[in-house]
């Protein structure tokens, strides 16, 4: 089975993440106390497809993600410094933020539309329903 997110997503992610990745821009727009980042079931997947870290919740504090109190995500703490995690979290983009508001008027998924479409396309190409498929606690009879 192929990855559900392939190189086409990486290309868009690289393009749009670069919009605000200028360290000068980040330092001008971020303060030391500005460390709460909004996530909704966000998963950071390494380009190798093997390293993965999931973040769940509406507002996750970067200090909580990177802490060493036993409740943090060890993979993040092992590979990133606190300031680098804060910087990268500010730069992550899946679309062009300069056109997002206009697109959002017509599309509630504007911020993640391309990634969502890639996921659905690859899911359809890689998943085949089996005989005992269940949907909403109801067994569906598949030929």
C-alpha atoms as a PDB file:
ATOM      1  CA  UNK A   1       0.000   0.000   0.000  1.00  0.00           C
ATOM      2  CA  UNK A   2       1.298   3.454  -0.908  1.00  0.00           C
ATOM      3  CA  UNK A   3       1.466   6.275   1.613  1.00  0.00           C
ATOM      4  CA  UNK A   4      -1.798   8.170   1.934  1.00  0.00           C
ATOM      5  CA  UNK A   5       0.265  11.355   1.746  1.00  0.00           C
ATOM      6  CA  UNK A   6       2.773  11.201  -1.087  1.00  0.00           C
ATOM      7  CA  UNK A   7       5.280  13.556  -2.653  1.00  0.00           C
ATOM      8  CA  UNK A   8       2.559  15.794  -4.143  1.00  0.00           C
ATOM      9  CA  UNK A   9       1.543  16.797  -0.619  1.00  0.00           C
ATOM     10  CA  UNK A  10       5.192  17.350   0.330  1.00  0.00           C
ATOM     11  CA  UNK A  11       5.602  19.737  -2.604  1.00  0.00           C
ATOM     12  CA  UNK A  12       2.583  21.849  -1.575  1.00  0.00           C
ATOM     13  CA  UNK A  13       3.587  21.714   2.084  1.00  0.00           C
ATOM     14  CA  UNK A  14       7.111  22.892   1.225  1.00  0.00           C
ATOM     15  CA  UNK A  15       5.776  25.693  -0.999  1.00  0.00           C
ATOM     16  CA  UNK A  16       3.216  27.073   1.451  1.00  0.00           C
ATOM     17  CA  UNK A  17       5.282  26.591   4.603  1.00  0.00           C
ATOM     18  CA  UNK A  18       7.957  28.804   3.055  1.00  0.00           C
ATOM     19  CA  UNK A  19       5.582  31.779   2.957  1.00  0.00           C
ATOM     20  CA  UNK A  20       6.130  32.597   6.620  1.00  0.00           C
ATOM     21  CA  UNK A  21       9.299  30.689   7.383  1.00  0.00           C
ATOM     22  CA  UNK A  22      11.456  33.789   7.299  1.00  0.00           C
ATOM     23  CA  UNK A  23      12.988  33.972  10.780  1.00  0.00           C
ATOM     24  CA  UNK A  24      12.856  37.778  10.721  1.00  0.00           C
ATOM     25  CA  UNK A  25       9.083  37.675  10.104  1.00  0.00           C
ATOM     26  CA  UNK A  26       8.581  35.139  12.891  1.00  0.00           C
ATOM     27  CA  UNK A  27      10.666  37.087  15.393  1.00  0.00           C
ATOM     28  CA  UNK A  28       8.713  40.275  14.623  1.00  0.00           C
ATOM     29  CA  UNK A  29       5.320  38.590  15.096  1.00  0.00           C
ATOM     30  CA  UNK A  30       5.987  36.260  18.008  1.00  0.00           C
ATOM     31  CA  UNK A  31       6.645  37.020  21.639  1.00  0.00           C
ATOM     32  CA  UNK A  32       8.076  34.776  24.351  1.00  0.00           C
ATOM     33  CA  UNK A  33       4.610  34.379  25.884  1.00  0.00           C
ATOM     34  CA  UNK A  34       2.986  33.553  22.540  1.00  0.00           C
ATOM     35  CA  UNK A  35       3.431  29.809  22.743  1.00  0.00           C
ATOM     36  CA  UNK A  36      -0.081  28.400  22.538  1.00  0.00           C
ATOM     37  CA  UNK A  37      -0.721  26.821  19.150  1.00  0.00           C
ATOM     38  CA  UNK A  38      -4.018  25.636  17.735  1.00  0.00           C
ATOM     39  CA  UNK A  39      -4.164  22.001  16.652  1.00  0.00           C
ATOM     40  CA  UNK A  40      -7.064  19.737  15.813  1.00  0.00           C
ATOM     41  CA  UNK A  41      -5.899  16.138  15.526  1.00  0.00           C
ATOM     42  CA  UNK A  42      -2.720  17.279  13.785  1.00  0.00           C
ATOM     43  CA  UNK A  43      -0.110  14.674  12.962  1.00  0.00           C
ATOM     44  CA  UNK A  44       3.467  15.519  12.105  1.00  0.00           C
ATOM     45  CA  UNK A  45       4.703  12.780   9.778  1.00  0.00           C
ATOM     46  CA  UNK A  46       8.348  12.643   8.817  1.00  0.00           C
ATOM     47  CA  UNK A  47       9.195  12.558   5.128  1.00  0.00           C
ATOM     48  CA  UNK A  48      10.572   9.053   5.649  1.00  0.00           C
ATOM     49  CA  UNK A  49       7.006   7.994   6.496  1.00  0.00           C
ATOM     50  CA  UNK A  50       8.139   6.299   9.690  1.00  0.00           C
ATOM     51  CA  UNK A  51       8.465   9.027  12.297  1.00  0.00           C
ATOM     52  CA  UNK A  52       5.099  10.287  13.463  1.00  0.00           C
ATOM     53  CA  UNK A  53       3.850  12.493  16.295  1.00  0.00           C
ATOM     54  CA  UNK A  54       0.167  13.218  16.898  1.00  0.00           C
ATOM     55  CA  UNK A  55      -1.213  16.260  18.658  1.00  0.00           C
ATOM     56  CA  UNK A  56      -4.836  16.367  19.711  1.00  0.00           C
ATOM     57  CA  UNK A  57      -6.854  19.204  21.160  1.00  0.00           C
ATOM     58  CA  UNK A  58      -7.947  22.665  20.211  1.00  0.00           C
ATOM     59  CA  UNK A  59      -5.138  24.594  21.924  1.00  0.00           C
ATOM     60  CA  UNK A  60      -1.888  22.873  22.842  1.00  0.00           C
ATOM     61  CA  UNK A  61       0.835  24.710  24.695  1.00  0.00           C
ATOM     62  CA  UNK A  62       4.282  24.220  23.152  1.00  0.00           C
ATOM     63  CA  UNK A  63       5.824  23.881  26.617  1.00  0.00           C
ATOM     64  CA  UNK A  64       3.495  20.923  27.277  1.00  0.00           C
ATOM     65  CA  UNK A  65       4.461  19.240  24.000  1.00  0.00           C
ATOM     66  CA  UNK A  66       8.176  19.650  24.686  1.00  0.00           C
ATOM     67  CA  UNK A  67       8.206  19.132  28.471  1.00  0.00           C
ATOM     68  CA  UNK A  68       9.983  16.254  30.233  1.00  0.00           C
ATOM     69  CA  UNK A  69       7.288  15.493  32.830  1.00  0.00           C
ATOM     70  CA  UNK A  70       6.297  12.181  31.255  1.00  0.00           C
ATOM     71  CA  UNK A  71       3.230  13.587  29.476  1.00  0.00           C
ATOM     72  CA  UNK A  72       5.012  15.014  26.445  1.00  0.00           C
ATOM     73  CA  UNK A  73       5.722  13.487  23.061  1.00  0.00           C
ATOM     74  CA  UNK A  74       9.206  12.012  23.457  1.00  0.00           C
ATOM     75  CA  UNK A  75       9.945  11.941  19.722  1.00  0.00           C
ATOM     76  CA  UNK A  76       9.610  15.714  19.501  1.00  0.00           C
ATOM     77  CA  UNK A  77      11.787  16.363  22.544  1.00  0.00           C
ATOM     78  CA  UNK A  78      14.457  13.982  21.221  1.00  0.00           C
ATOM     79  CA  UNK A  79      14.868  15.717  17.859  1.00  0.00           C
ATOM     80  CA  UNK A  80      13.940  19.407  18.365  1.00  0.00           C
ATOM     81  CA  UNK A  81      14.986  22.139  20.721  1.00  0.00           C
ATOM     82  CA  UNK A  82      12.181  24.124  22.335  1.00  0.00           C
ATOM     83  CA  UNK A  83      12.840  27.244  20.245  1.00  0.00           C
ATOM     84  CA  UNK A  84      13.011  25.194  17.022  1.00  0.00           C
ATOM     85  CA  UNK A  85       9.659  23.523  17.824  1.00  0.00           C
ATOM     86  CA  UNK A  86       8.136  26.939  18.490  1.00  0.00           C
ATOM     87  CA  UNK A  87       9.541  28.300  15.224  1.00  0.00           C
ATOM     88  CA  UNK A  88       8.395  25.315  13.122  1.00  0.00           C
ATOM     89  CA  UNK A  89       4.919  25.349  14.673  1.00  0.00           C
ATOM     90  CA  UNK A  90       4.542  28.952  13.571  1.00  0.00           C
ATOM     91  CA  UNK A  91       5.623  28.118   9.998  1.00  0.00           C
ATOM     92  CA  UNK A  92       3.460  25.082   9.238  1.00  0.00           C
ATOM     93  CA  UNK A  93       1.041  25.830   6.395  1.00  0.00           C
ATOM     94  CA  UNK A  94      -0.927  23.614   4.025  1.00  0.00           C
ATOM     95  CA  UNK A  95      -2.162  26.427   1.784  1.00  0.00           C
ATOM     96  CA  UNK A  96      -1.474  30.005   0.768  1.00  0.00           C
ATOM     97  CA  UNK A  97      -2.561  32.159   3.708  1.00  0.00           C
ATOM     98  CA  UNK A  98      -2.736  35.275   1.530  1.00  0.00           C
ATOM     99  CA  UNK A  99      -5.712  33.870  -0.415  1.00  0.00           C
ATOM    100  CA  UNK A 100      -7.285  31.794   2.366  1.00  0.00           C
ATOM    101  CA  UNK A 101      -9.928  34.294   3.544  1.00  0.00           C
ATOM    102  CA  UNK A 102     -11.326  34.700   0.027  1.00  0.00           C
ATOM    103  CA  UNK A 103     -11.449  30.931  -0.495  1.00  0.00           C
ATOM    104  CA  UNK A 104     -12.923  30.344   2.971  1.00  0.00           C
ATOM    105  CA  UNK A 105     -16.023  32.337   2.017  1.00  0.00           C
ATOM    106  CA  UNK A 106     -16.966  29.449  -0.285  1.00  0.00           C
ATOM    107  CA  UNK A 107     -15.055  26.523   1.228  1.00  0.00           C
ATOM    108  CA  UNK A 108     -14.854  25.785   4.960  1.00  0.00           C
ATOM    109  CA  UNK A 109     -11.940  23.400   4.329  1.00  0.00           C
ATOM    110  CA  UNK A 110      -9.933  26.025   2.434  1.00  0.00           C
ATOM    111  CA  UNK A 111      -6.923  25.754   4.753  1.00  0.00           C
ATOM    112  CA  UNK A 112      -6.512  22.011   4.173  1.00  0.00           C
ATOM    113  CA  UNK A 113      -8.415  21.442   0.899  1.00  0.00           C
ATOM    114  CA  UNK A 114      -5.464  20.154  -1.178  1.00  0.00           C
ATOM    115  CA  UNK A 115      -4.231  17.822   1.562  1.00  0.00           C
ATOM    116  CA  UNK A 116      -7.774  16.532   2.094  1.00  0.00           C
ATOM    117  CA  UNK A 117      -8.226  15.863  -1.641  1.00  0.00           C
ATOM    118  CA  UNK A 118      -4.881  14.019  -1.824  1.00  0.00           C
ATOM    119  CA  UNK A 119      -5.875  11.927   1.176  1.00  0.00           C
ATOM    120  CA  UNK A 120      -9.293  10.982  -0.271  1.00  0.00           C
ATOM    121  CA  UNK A 121      -7.789  10.158  -3.687  1.00  0.00           C
ATOM    122  CA  UNK A 122      -5.052   7.982  -2.212  1.00  0.00           C
ATOM    123  CA  UNK A 123      -7.471   6.354   0.230  1.00  0.00           C
ATOM    124  CA  UNK A 124      -9.757   5.344  -2.646  1.00  0.00           C
ATOM    125  CA  UNK A 125      -6.785   4.004  -4.627  1.00  0.00           C
ATOM    126  CA  UNK A 126      -5.415   1.963  -1.710  1.00  0.00           C
ATOM    127  CA  UNK A 127      -8.456   0.735   0.221  1.00  0.00           C
ATOM    128  CA  UNK A 128     -10.768  -2.053  -0.844  1.00  0.00           C
ATOM    129  CA  UNK A 129     -13.855  -2.731   1.283  1.00  0.00           C
ATOM    130  CA  UNK A 130     -13.974  -6.315   2.562  1.00  0.00           C
ATOM    131  CA  UNK A 131     -16.851  -8.695   3.098  1.00  0.00           C
ATOM    132  CA  UNK A 132     -17.541  -7.752   6.737  1.00  0.00           C
ATOM    133  CA  UNK A 133     -17.638  -3.963   6.366  1.00  0.00           C
ATOM    134  CA  UNK A 134     -19.526  -2.181   9.161  1.00  0.00           C
ATOM    135  CA  UNK A 135     -20.856   1.356   8.981  1.00  0.00           C
ATOM    136  CA  UNK A 136     -22.535   2.964  12.017  1.00  0.00           C
ATOM    137  CA  UNK A 137     -22.881  -0.460  13.724  1.00  0.00           C
ATOM    138  CA  UNK A 138     -24.641  -1.849  10.634  1.00  0.00           C
ATOM    139  CA  UNK A 139     -23.072  -4.668   8.625  1.00  0.00           C
ATOM    140  CA  UNK A 140     -22.963  -3.921   4.926  1.00  0.00           C
ATOM    141  CA  UNK A 141     -23.139  -6.904   2.608  1.00  0.00           C
ATOM    142  CA  UNK A 142     -20.344  -6.617   0.053  1.00  0.00           C
ATOM    143  CA  UNK A 143     -20.577  -8.899  -3.030  1.00  0.00           C
END
